[in-house]
PDB file of N, CA and C in Angstrom:
ATOM      1  N   UNK A   1      93.981  93.029  26.781  1.00  0.00           N
ATOM      2  CA  UNK A   1      92.975  93.117  27.814  1.00  0.00           C
ATOM      3  C   UNK A   1      93.122  92.200  28.733  1.00  0.00           C
ATOM      4  N   UNK A   2      92.938  92.813  30.046  1.00  0.00           N
ATOM      5  CA  UNK A   2      93.101  91.841  31.367  1.00  0.00           C
ATOM      6  C   UNK A   2      91.767  92.159  32.066  1.00  0.00           C
ATOM      7  N   UNK A   3      91.351  91.161  32.646  1.00  0.00           N
ATOM      8  CA  UNK A   3      90.139  91.092  33.334  1.00  0.00           C
ATOM      9  C   UNK A   3      90.303  90.807  34.834  1.00  0.00           C
ATOM     10  N   UNK A   4      89.819  91.645  35.774  1.00  0.00           N
ATOM     11  CA  UNK A   4      90.061  91.400  37.286  1.00  0.00           C
ATOM     12  C   UNK A   4      88.821  90.721  37.747  1.00  0.00           C
ATOM     13  N   UNK A   5      88.901  89.745  38.349  1.00  0.00           N
ATOM     14  CA  UNK A   5      87.853  88.949  39.011  1.00  0.00           C
ATOM     15  C   UNK A   5      87.829  89.151  40.435  1.00  0.00           C
ATOM     16  N   UNK A   6      86.704  89.926  40.835  1.00  0.00           N
ATOM     17  CA  UNK A   6      86.676  90.346  42.381  1.00  0.00           C
ATOM     18  C   UNK A   6      85.464  89.367  42.909  1.00  0.00           C
ATOM     19  N   UNK A   7      85.817  88.734  43.935  1.00  0.00           N
ATOM     20  CA  UNK A   7      84.492  87.973  44.911  1.00  0.00           C
ATOM     21  C   UNK A   7      84.571  88.546  46.125  1.00  0.00           C
ATOM     22  N   UNK A   8      83.325  89.388  46.497  1.00  0.00           N
ATOM     23  CA  UNK A   8      83.065  89.729  47.866  1.00  0.00           C
ATOM     24  C   UNK A   8      82.333  88.684  48.525  1.00  0.00           C
ATOM     25  N   UNK A   9      82.630  88.499  49.755  1.00  0.00           N
ATOM     26  CA  UNK A   9      82.046  87.367  50.603  1.00  0.00           C
ATOM     27  C   UNK A   9      81.254  88.428  51.538  1.00  0.00           C
ATOM     28  N   UNK A  10      80.074  88.745  51.457  1.00  0.00           N
ATOM     29  CA  UNK A  10      79.161  89.474  52.173  1.00  0.00           C
ATOM     30  C   UNK A  10      78.968  88.986  53.532  1.00  0.00           C
ATOM     31  N   UNK A  11      78.900  89.816  54.608  1.00  0.00           N
ATOM     32  CA  UNK A  11      78.520  89.357  56.001  1.00  0.00           C
ATOM     33  C   UNK A  11      76.821  88.660  55.795  1.00  0.00           C
ATOM     34  N   UNK A  12      76.564  87.788  56.763  1.00  0.00           N
ATOM     35  CA  UNK A  12      75.253  87.412  56.595  1.00  0.00           C
ATOM     36  C   UNK A  12      74.232  88.304  56.435  1.00  0.00           C
ATOM     37  N   UNK A  13      73.180  88.345  55.730  1.00  0.00           N
ATOM     38  CA  UNK A  13      72.273  89.462  55.695  1.00  0.00           C
ATOM     39  C   UNK A  13      72.210  90.819  55.083  1.00  0.00           C
ATOM     40  N   UNK A  14      73.793  91.004  54.660  1.00  0.00           N
ATOM     41  CA  UNK A  14      74.306  92.335  54.199  1.00  0.00           C
ATOM     42  C   UNK A  14      74.420  92.357  52.535  1.00  0.00           C
ATOM     43  N   UNK A  15      74.218  91.144  52.007  1.00  0.00           N
ATOM     44  CA  UNK A  15      74.312  91.222  50.571  1.00  0.00           C
ATOM     45  C   UNK A  15      73.558  92.378  49.885  1.00  0.00           C
ATOM     46  N   UNK A  16      72.094  92.542  50.295  1.00  0.00           N
ATOM     47  CA  UNK A  16      71.366  93.614  49.851  1.00  0.00           C
ATOM     48  C   UNK A  16      72.086  94.990  49.824  1.00  0.00           C
ATOM     49  N   UNK A  17      72.688  95.241  50.866  1.00  0.00           N
ATOM     50  CA  UNK A  17      73.206  96.488  51.323  1.00  0.00           C
ATOM     51  C   UNK A  17      74.505  96.553  50.397  1.00  0.00           C
ATOM     52  N   UNK A  18      75.155  95.773  50.336  1.00  0.00           N
ATOM     53  CA  UNK A  18      76.377  95.791  49.339  1.00  0.00           C
ATOM     54  C   UNK A  18      76.103  95.974  47.901  1.00  0.00           C
ATOM     55  N   UNK A  19      74.958  95.299  47.357  1.00  0.00           N
ATOM     56  CA  UNK A  19      74.532  95.502  45.950  1.00  0.00           C
ATOM     57  C   UNK A  19      74.092  96.994  46.094  1.00  0.00           C
ATOM     58  N   UNK A  20      73.328  97.531  46.900  1.00  0.00           N
ATOM     59  CA  UNK A  20      72.777  98.729  46.794  1.00  0.00           C
ATOM     60  C   UNK A  20      73.949  99.611  46.769  1.00  0.00           C
ATOM     61  N   UNK A  21      75.189  99.446  47.452  1.00  0.00           N
ATOM     62  CA  UNK A  21      76.130 100.454  47.528  1.00  0.00           C
ATOM     63  C   UNK A  21      77.006 100.425  46.069  1.00  0.00           C
ATOM     64  N   UNK A  22      77.102  99.407  45.580  1.00  0.00           N
ATOM     65  CA  UNK A  22      77.681  99.240  44.195  1.00  0.00           C
ATOM     66  C   UNK A  22      76.721  99.966  43.107  1.00  0.00           C
ATOM     67  N   UNK A  23      75.500  99.710  43.281  1.00  0.00           N
ATOM     68  CA  UNK A  23      74.654 100.401  42.337  1.00  0.00           C
ATOM     69  C   UNK A  23      74.479 101.765  42.494  1.00  0.00           C
ATOM     70  N   UNK A  24      74.395 102.310  43.550  1.00  0.00           N
ATOM     71  CA  UNK A  24      74.224 103.712  43.832  1.00  0.00           C
ATOM     72  C   UNK A  24      75.303 104.555  44.240  1.00  0.00           C
ATOM     73  N   UNK A  25      76.232 104.000  44.540  1.00  0.00           N
ATOM     74  CA  UNK A  25      77.606 104.678  45.011  1.00  0.00           C
ATOM     75  C   UNK A  25      78.924 104.394  44.117  1.00  0.00           C
ATOM     76  N   UNK A  26      79.101 103.210  44.100  1.00  0.00           N
ATOM     77  CA  UNK A  26      80.557 102.883  43.520  1.00  0.00           C
ATOM     78  C   UNK A  26      80.534 103.006  41.969  1.00  0.00           C
ATOM     79  N   UNK A  27      79.333 102.432  41.416  1.00  0.00           N
ATOM     80  CA  UNK A  27      79.447 102.560  39.926  1.00  0.00           C
ATOM     81  C   UNK A  27      79.397 103.929  39.283  1.00  0.00           C
ATOM     82  N   UNK A  28      78.642 104.972  39.967  1.00  0.00           N
ATOM     83  CA  UNK A  28      78.996 106.436  39.321  1.00  0.00           C
ATOM     84  C   UNK A  28      80.227 106.893  39.543  1.00  0.00           C
ATOM     85  N   UNK A  29      81.002 106.571  40.664  1.00  0.00           N
ATOM     86  CA  UNK A  29      82.261 107.158  41.051  1.00  0.00           C
ATOM     87  C   UNK A  29      83.229 106.341  40.113  1.00  0.00           C
ATOM     88  N   UNK A  30      83.077 104.892  39.767  1.00  0.00           N
ATOM     89  CA  UNK A  30      83.860 104.233  38.829  1.00  0.00           C
ATOM     90  C   UNK A  30      83.758 104.993  37.396  1.00  0.00           C
ATOM     91  N   UNK A  31      82.565 105.399  36.893  1.00  0.00           N
ATOM     92  CA  UNK A  31      82.270 105.891  35.775  1.00  0.00           C
ATOM     93  C   UNK A  31      83.235 107.273  35.626  1.00  0.00           C
ATOM     94  N   UNK A  32      83.324 108.092  36.641  1.00  0.00           N
ATOM     95  CA  UNK A  32      83.779 109.367  36.971  1.00  0.00           C
ATOM     96  C   UNK A  32      85.485 109.087  36.618  1.00  0.00           C
ATOM     97  N   UNK A  33      85.974 107.929  37.155  1.00  0.00           N
ATOM     98  CA  UNK A  33      87.289 107.542  37.033  1.00  0.00           C
ATOM     99  C   UNK A  33      87.751 106.708  35.879  1.00  0.00           C
ATOM    100  N   UNK A  34      86.699 106.365  34.998  1.00  0.00           N
ATOM    101  CA  UNK A  34      87.087 105.474  33.963  1.00  0.00           C
ATOM    102  C   UNK A  34      87.205 104.156  34.055  1.00  0.00           C
ATOM    103  N   UNK A  35      86.679 103.527  35.150  1.00  0.00           N
ATOM    104  CA  UNK A  35      86.716 102.086  35.477  1.00  0.00           C
ATOM    105  C   UNK A  35      85.494 101.464  34.666  1.00  0.00           C
ATOM    106  N   UNK A  36      86.059 100.430  34.088  1.00  0.00           N
ATOM    107  CA  UNK A  36      84.931  99.622  33.205  1.00  0.00           C
ATOM    108  C   UNK A  36      84.670  98.420  33.952  1.00  0.00           C
ATOM    109  N   UNK A  37      83.182  98.044  34.027  1.00  0.00           N
ATOM    110  CA  UNK A  37      82.913  96.754  34.541  1.00  0.00           C
ATOM    111  C   UNK A  37      82.388  95.975  33.567  1.00  0.00           C
ATOM    112  N   UNK A  38      82.802  94.794  33.487  1.00  0.00           N
ATOM    113  CA  UNK A  38      82.265  93.798  32.618  1.00  0.00           C
ATOM    114  C   UNK A  38      81.205  92.763  32.897  1.00  0.00           C
ATOM    115  N   UNK A  39      80.567  92.907  34.264  1.00  0.00           N
ATOM    116  CA  UNK A  39      79.360  92.310  34.704  1.00  0.00           C
ATOM    117  C   UNK A  39      79.462  91.977  36.057  1.00  0.00           C
ATOM    118  N   UNK A  40      78.309  91.855  36.842  1.00  0.00           N
ATOM    119  CA  UNK A  40      78.197  91.479  38.187  1.00  0.00           C
ATOM    120  C   UNK A  40      77.150  90.376  38.299  1.00  0.00           C
ATOM    121  N   UNK A  41      77.541  89.351  39.204  1.00  0.00           N
ATOM    122  CA  UNK A  41      76.800  88.162  39.370  1.00  0.00           C
ATOM    123  C   UNK A  41      76.687  87.925  40.775  1.00  0.00           C
ATOM    124  N   UNK A  42      75.405  87.331  41.191  1.00  0.00           N
ATOM    125  CA  UNK A  42      75.326  86.602  42.560  1.00  0.00           C
ATOM    126  C   UNK A  42      75.130  85.107  42.092  1.00  0.00           C
ATOM    127  N   UNK A  43      75.217  84.265  43.174  1.00  0.00           N
ATOM    128  CA  UNK A  43      75.066  82.828  42.927  1.00  0.00           C
ATOM    129  C   UNK A  43      73.595  82.309  42.982  1.00  0.00           C
ATOM    130  N   UNK A  44      73.259  81.750  41.723  1.00  0.00           N
ATOM    131  CA  UNK A  44      72.114  81.149  41.670  1.00  0.00           C
ATOM    132  C   UNK A  44      71.944  79.692  42.498  1.00  0.00           C
ATOM    133  N   UNK A  45      72.928  78.949  41.979  1.00  0.00           N
ATOM    134  CA  UNK A  45      73.182  77.611  42.488  1.00  0.00           C
ATOM    135  C   UNK A  45      74.728  77.364  42.737  1.00  0.00           C
ATOM    136  N   UNK A  46      75.231  76.720  43.878  1.00  0.00           N
ATOM    137  CA  UNK A  46      76.466  76.499  44.294  1.00  0.00           C
ATOM    138  C   UNK A  46      77.085  77.458  44.983  1.00  0.00           C
ATOM    139  N   UNK A  47      78.023  77.179  45.898  1.00  0.00           N
ATOM    140  CA  UNK A  47      78.860  78.274  46.587  1.00  0.00           C
ATOM    141  C   UNK A  47      77.980  78.930  47.599  1.00  0.00           C
ATOM    142  N   UNK A  48      78.261  80.189  47.742  1.00  0.00           N
ATOM    143  CA  UNK A  48      77.491  80.653  49.107  1.00  0.00           C
ATOM    144  C   UNK A  48      76.629  81.752  48.485  1.00  0.00           C
ATOM    145  N   UNK A  49      75.407  81.753  49.052  1.00  0.00           N
ATOM    146  CA  UNK A  49      74.514  82.768  48.796  1.00  0.00           C
ATOM    147  C   UNK A  49      74.794  84.273  49.253  1.00  0.00           C
ATOM    148  N   UNK A  50      75.983  84.327  49.791  1.00  0.00           N
ATOM    149  CA  UNK A  50      76.398  85.698  50.309  1.00  0.00           C
ATOM    150  C   UNK A  50      77.571  86.098  49.427  1.00  0.00           C
ATOM    151  N   UNK A  51      77.792  85.847  48.201  1.00  0.00           N
ATOM    152  CA  UNK A  51      78.746  86.194  47.479  1.00  0.00           C
ATOM    153  C   UNK A  51      78.441  87.083  46.415  1.00  0.00           C
ATOM    154  N   UNK A  52      79.234  87.994  46.086  1.00  0.00           N
ATOM    155  CA  UNK A  52      78.986  89.009  44.883  1.00  0.00           C
ATOM    156  C   UNK A  52      80.404  88.705  43.960  1.00  0.00           C
ATOM    157  N   UNK A  53      80.159  88.438  42.735  1.00  0.00           N
ATOM    158  CA  UNK A  53      81.322  88.309  41.907  1.00  0.00           C
ATOM    159  C   UNK A  53      80.979  89.418  40.777  1.00  0.00           C
ATOM    160  N   UNK A  54      82.336  89.982  40.362  1.00  0.00           N
ATOM    161  CA  UNK A  54      82.116  90.738  39.318  1.00  0.00           C
ATOM    162  C   UNK A  54      83.472  90.928  38.586  1.00  0.00           C
ATOM    163  N   UNK A  55      83.613  91.541  37.560  1.00  0.00           N
ATOM    164  CA  UNK A  55      84.715  91.601  36.591  1.00  0.00           C
ATOM    165  C   UNK A  55      84.791  93.002  36.186  1.00  0.00           C
ATOM    166  N   UNK A  56      86.099  93.395  36.057  1.00  0.00           N
ATOM    167  CA  UNK A  56      86.583  94.691  35.769  1.00  0.00           C
ATOM    168  C   UNK A  56      87.731  94.606  34.492  1.00  0.00           C
ATOM    169  N   UNK A  57      87.510  95.549  33.521  1.00  0.00           N
ATOM    170  CA  UNK A  57      88.327  95.487  32.385  1.00  0.00           C
ATOM    171  C   UNK A  57      89.441  96.428  32.527  1.00  0.00           C
ATOM    172  N   UNK A  58      90.507  95.979  32.232  1.00  0.00           N
ATOM    173  CA  UNK A  58      91.835  96.950  32.144  1.00  0.00           C
ATOM    174  C   UNK A  58      92.586  96.585  30.867  1.00  0.00           C
ATOM    175  N   UNK A  59      93.140  97.726  30.372  1.00  0.00           N
ATOM    176  CA  UNK A  59      93.941  97.609  29.252  1.00  0.00           C
ATOM    177  C   UNK A  59      95.326  97.078  29.709  1.00  0.00           C
ATOM    178  N   UNK A  60      95.710  97.355  30.801  1.00  0.00           N
ATOM    179  CA  UNK A  60      97.141  96.919  31.383  1.00  0.00           C
ATOM    180  C   UNK A  60      97.063  97.092  32.895  1.00  0.00           C
ATOM    181  N   UNK A  61      98.023  96.511  33.506  1.00  0.00           N
ATOM    182  CA  UNK A  61      98.148  96.532  34.886  1.00  0.00           C
ATOM    183  C   UNK A  61      98.369  98.106  35.442  1.00  0.00           C
ATOM    184  N   UNK A  62      99.154  98.702  34.387  1.00  0.00           N
ATOM    185  CA  UNK A  62      99.393 100.094  34.824  1.00  0.00           C
ATOM    186  C   UNK A  62      98.253 100.940  34.866  1.00  0.00           C
ATOM    187  N   UNK A  63      97.262 100.595  33.888  1.00  0.00           N
ATOM    188  CA  UNK A  63      95.877 101.407  33.965  1.00  0.00           C
ATOM    189  C   UNK A  63      95.229 100.998  35.201  1.00  0.00           C
ATOM    190  N   UNK A  64      95.273  99.886  35.549  1.00  0.00           N
ATOM    191  CA  UNK A  64      94.676  99.329  36.748  1.00  0.00           C
ATOM    192  C   UNK A  64      95.199 100.010  38.125  1.00  0.00           C
ATOM    193  N   UNK A  65      96.285 100.242  38.091  1.00  0.00           N
ATOM    194  CA  UNK A  65      97.191 100.890  39.310  1.00  0.00           C
ATOM    195  C   UNK A  65      96.699 102.197  39.424  1.00  0.00           C
ATOM    196  N   UNK A  66      96.703 103.007  38.433  1.00  0.00           N
ATOM    197  CA  UNK A  66      96.347 104.225  38.212  1.00  0.00           C
ATOM    198  C   UNK A  66      94.985 104.577  38.677  1.00  0.00           C
ATOM    199  N   UNK A  67      94.116 104.075  37.837  1.00  0.00           N
ATOM    200  CA  UNK A  67      92.642 104.118  38.158  1.00  0.00           C
ATOM    201  C   UNK A  67      92.001 103.645  39.395  1.00  0.00           C
ATOM    202  N   UNK A  68      92.546 102.412  39.876  1.00  0.00           N
ATOM    203  CA  UNK A  68      92.211 101.868  41.134  1.00  0.00           C
ATOM    204  C   UNK A  68      92.585 102.848  42.400  1.00  0.00           C
ATOM    205  N   UNK A  69      93.637 103.441  42.427  1.00  0.00           N
ATOM    206  CA  UNK A  69      94.323 104.026  43.508  1.00  0.00           C
ATOM    207  C   UNK A  69      93.493 105.485  43.307  1.00  0.00           C
ATOM    208  N   UNK A  70      93.350 106.252  42.253  1.00  0.00           N
ATOM    209  CA  UNK A  70      92.345 107.179  42.241  1.00  0.00           C
ATOM    210  C   UNK A  70      90.952 107.071  42.886  1.00  0.00           C
ATOM    211  N   UNK A  71      90.481 105.860  42.549  1.00  0.00           N
ATOM    212  CA  UNK A  71      89.205 105.586  43.118  1.00  0.00           C
ATOM    213  C   UNK A  71      89.232 105.428  44.660  1.00  0.00           C
ATOM    214  N   UNK A  72      90.196 104.530  44.922  1.00  0.00           N
ATOM    215  CA  UNK A  72      90.204 104.126  46.372  1.00  0.00           C
ATOM    216  C   UNK A  72      90.326 105.265  47.246  1.00  0.00           C
ATOM    217  N   UNK A  73      91.096 106.409  46.631  1.00  0.00           N
ATOM    218  CA  UNK A  73      91.350 107.455  47.578  1.00  0.00           C
ATOM    219  C   UNK A  73      90.286 108.725  47.389  1.00  0.00           C
ATOM    220  N   UNK A  74      89.243 108.457  46.512  1.00  0.00           N
ATOM    221  CA  UNK A  74      88.393 109.476  46.180  1.00  0.00           C
ATOM    222  C   UNK A  74      87.541 109.848  47.531  1.00  0.00           C
ATOM    223  N   UNK A  75      87.651 111.275  47.728  1.00  0.00           N
ATOM    224  CA  UNK A  75      86.877 111.635  49.050  1.00  0.00           C
ATOM    225  C   UNK A  75      85.438 111.162  49.032  1.00  0.00           C
ATOM    226  N   UNK A  76      84.740 111.335  47.925  1.00  0.00           N
ATOM    227  CA  UNK A  76      83.205 110.763  47.969  1.00  0.00           C
ATOM    228  C   UNK A  76      83.076 109.442  48.257  1.00  0.00           C
ATOM    229  N   UNK A  77      83.928 108.528  47.579  1.00  0.00           N
ATOM    230  CA  UNK A  77      83.999 107.017  47.885  1.00  0.00           C
ATOM    231  C   UNK A  77      84.158 106.779  49.445  1.00  0.00           C
ATOM    232  N   UNK A  78      85.243 107.460  49.872  1.00  0.00           N
ATOM    233  CA  UNK A  78      85.547 107.127  51.353  1.00  0.00           C
ATOM    234  C   UNK A  78      84.446 107.536  52.312  1.00  0.00           C
ATOM    235  N   UNK A  79      83.905 108.706  52.078  1.00  0.00           N
ATOM    236  CA  UNK A  79      82.706 109.107  53.052  1.00  0.00           C
ATOM    237  C   UNK A  79      81.498 108.050  52.800  1.00  0.00           C
ATOM    238  N   UNK A  80      81.064 107.646  51.691  1.00  0.00           N
ATOM    239  CA  UNK A  80      79.902 107.087  51.303  1.00  0.00           C
ATOM    240  C   UNK A  80      80.158 105.477  51.702  1.00  0.00           C
ATOM    241  N   UNK A  81      81.509 105.053  51.577  1.00  0.00           N
ATOM    242  CA  UNK A  81      81.694 103.701  52.027  1.00  0.00           C
ATOM    243  C   UNK A  81      81.572 103.630  53.750  1.00  0.00           C
ATOM    244  N   UNK A  82      82.103 104.576  54.241  1.00  0.00           N
ATOM    245  CA  UNK A  82      82.111 104.846  55.763  1.00  0.00           C
ATOM    246  C   UNK A  82      80.407 104.910  56.109  1.00  0.00           C
ATOM    247  N   UNK A  83      79.683 105.676  55.649  1.00  0.00           N
ATOM    248  CA  UNK A  83      78.347 105.865  55.739  1.00  0.00           C
ATOM    249  C   UNK A  83      77.580 104.351  55.711  1.00  0.00           C
ATOM    250  N   UNK A  84      77.794 103.717  54.632  1.00  0.00           N
ATOM    251  CA  UNK A  84      77.299 102.370  54.213  1.00  0.00           C
ATOM    252  C   UNK A  84      77.524 101.303  55.413  1.00  0.00           C
ATOM    253  N   UNK A  85      78.681 101.649  56.086  1.00  0.00           N
ATOM    254  CA  UNK A  85      79.008 100.476  57.146  1.00  0.00           C
ATOM    255  C   UNK A  85      78.753 100.803  58.631  1.00  0.00           C
ATOM    256  N   UNK A  86      77.977 102.090  58.915  1.00  0.00           N
ATOM    257  CA  UNK A  86      77.565 102.673  60.252  1.00  0.00           C
ATOM    258  C   UNK A  86      76.792 101.445  61.032  1.00  0.00           C
ATOM    259  N   UNK A  87      76.215 100.465  60.436  1.00  0.00           N
ATOM    260  CA  UNK A  87      75.583  99.368  60.954  1.00  0.00           C
ATOM    261  C   UNK A  87      76.487  98.239  60.895  1.00  0.00           C
ATOM    262  N   UNK A  88      77.608  98.310  60.523  1.00  0.00           N
ATOM    263  CA  UNK A  88      78.602  97.159  60.483  1.00  0.00           C
ATOM    264  C   UNK A  88      79.109  96.904  59.164  1.00  0.00           C
ATOM    265  N   UNK A  89      80.250  96.139  59.142  1.00  0.00           N
ATOM    266  CA  UNK A  89      80.795  95.905  57.904  1.00  0.00           C
ATOM    267  C   UNK A  89      79.681  95.128  57.024  1.00  0.00           C
ATOM    268  N   UNK A  90      80.015  95.461  55.571  1.00  0.00           N
ATOM    269  CA  UNK A  90      79.217  94.620  54.504  1.00  0.00           C
ATOM    270  C   UNK A  90      79.897  93.387  54.215  1.00  0.00           C
ATOM    271  N   UNK A  91      81.286  93.470  54.348  1.00  0.00           N
ATOM    272  CA  UNK A  91      82.005  92.387  53.534  1.00  0.00           C
ATOM    273  C   UNK A  91      82.721  91.677  54.694  1.00  0.00           C
ATOM    274  N   UNK A  92      82.797  90.407  54.704  1.00  0.00           N
ATOM    275  CA  UNK A  92      83.731  89.607  55.789  1.00  0.00           C
ATOM    276  C   UNK A  92      85.072  89.435  55.050  1.00  0.00           C
ATOM    277  N   UNK A  93      85.253  89.054  53.664  1.00  0.00           N
ATOM    278  CA  UNK A  93      86.456  88.946  53.045  1.00  0.00           C
ATOM    279  C   UNK A  93      86.393  88.986  51.492  1.00  0.00           C
ATOM    280  N   UNK A  94      87.303  89.381  50.720  1.00  0.00           N
ATOM    281  CA  UNK A  94      87.175  89.177  49.473  1.00  0.00           C
ATOM    282  C   UNK A  94      88.282  88.593  48.730  1.00  0.00           C
ATOM    283  N   UNK A  95      88.155  88.074  47.448  1.00  0.00           N
ATOM    284  CA  UNK A  95      89.349  87.364  46.678  1.00  0.00           C
ATOM    285  C   UNK A  95      89.226  88.385  45.337  1.00  0.00           C
ATOM    286  N   UNK A  96      90.519  88.475  44.877  1.00  0.00           N
ATOM    287  CA  UNK A  96      90.719  88.727  43.370  1.00  0.00           C
ATOM    288  C   UNK A  96      91.827  88.103  42.732  1.00  0.00           C
ATOM    289  N   UNK A  97      91.601  88.101  41.433  1.00  0.00           N
ATOM    290  CA  UNK A  97      92.402  87.453  40.584  1.00  0.00           C
ATOM    291  C   UNK A  97      92.361  88.173  39.001  1.00  0.00           C
ATOM    292  N   UNK A  98      93.595  87.926  38.352  1.00  0.00           N
ATOM    293  CA  UNK A  98      93.544  88.814  37.237  1.00  0.00           C
ATOM    294  C   UNK A  98      93.759  87.736  36.175  1.00  0.00           C
ATOM    295  N   UNK A  99      92.798  87.644  35.099  1.00  0.00           N
ATOM    296  CA  UNK A  99      92.644  86.960  34.012  1.00  0.00           C
ATOM    297  C   UNK A  99      92.915  87.446  32.743  1.00  0.00           C
ATOM    298  N   UNK A 100      93.672  86.334  32.062  1.00  0.00           N
ATOM    299  CA  UNK A 100      94.211  86.773  30.760  1.00  0.00           C
ATOM    300  C   UNK A 100      93.610  85.898  29.740  1.00  0.00           C
ATOM    301  N   UNK A 101      92.911  86.299  28.790  1.00  0.00           N
ATOM    302  CA  UNK A 101      92.139  85.693  27.772  1.00  0.00           C
ATOM    303  C   UNK A 101      93.090  84.559  27.112  1.00  0.00           C
ATOM    304  N   UNK A 102      92.628  83.700  26.661  1.00  0.00           N
ATOM    305  CA  UNK A 102      93.355  82.643  25.811  1.00  0.00           C
ATOM    306  C   UNK A 102      93.333  83.295  24.404  1.00  0.00           C
ATOM    307  N   UNK A 103      94.078  82.442  23.426  1.00  0.00           N
ATOM    308  CA  UNK A 103      93.701  82.970  21.982  1.00  0.00           C
ATOM    309  C   UNK A 103      92.690  82.681  21.370  1.00  0.00           C
ATOM    310  N   UNK A 104      91.871  81.696  22.024  1.00  0.00           N
ATOM    311  CA  UNK A 104      90.646  81.241  21.448  1.00  0.00           C
ATOM    312  C   UNK A 104      89.443  81.782  22.209  1.00  0.00           C
ATOM    313  N   UNK A 105      89.505  82.501  23.057  1.00  0.00           N
ATOM    314  CA  UNK A 105      88.496  83.168  23.897  1.00  0.00           C
ATOM    315  C   UNK A 105      87.716  84.213  23.211  1.00  0.00           C
ATOM    316  N   UNK A 106      86.235  84.061  23.559  1.00  0.00           N
ATOM    317  CA  UNK A 106      85.420  85.195  22.840  1.00  0.00           C
ATOM    318  C   UNK A 106      85.598  86.458  23.297  1.00  0.00           C
ATOM    319  N   UNK A 107      86.166  86.503  24.546  1.00  0.00           N
ATOM    320  CA  UNK A 107      86.563  87.795  25.203  1.00  0.00           C
ATOM    321  C   UNK A 107      87.851  88.292  25.044  1.00  0.00           C
ATOM    322  N   UNK A 108      88.021  89.400  24.169  1.00  0.00           N
ATOM    323  CA  UNK A 108      89.364  89.717  23.981  1.00  0.00           C
ATOM    324  C   UNK A 108      89.897  90.748  25.051  1.00  0.00           C
TER     325      UNK A 108
END
């Protein structure tokens, strides 16, 4: 199992809109494409209160490439992402990393 950590740095004041887009738009489309999320977080203490952090679960990098490509080119996603940014971009930048659990991790 591989986990992908993604950190989205929202534009000031746009985090509520980003959260809404994930909950109402991205997650249903992910479900259709078989993309599994392991959790979403915002920061309570430390760092920036404009950040959204989430984890995705992949069986392999090949699975990730296939499913992420299908999602990122999905016509419904492209349309609704565009609509969500009519008042300007939601994200200033993002970071991602691929995490491999250790032999003693409680997450497999």
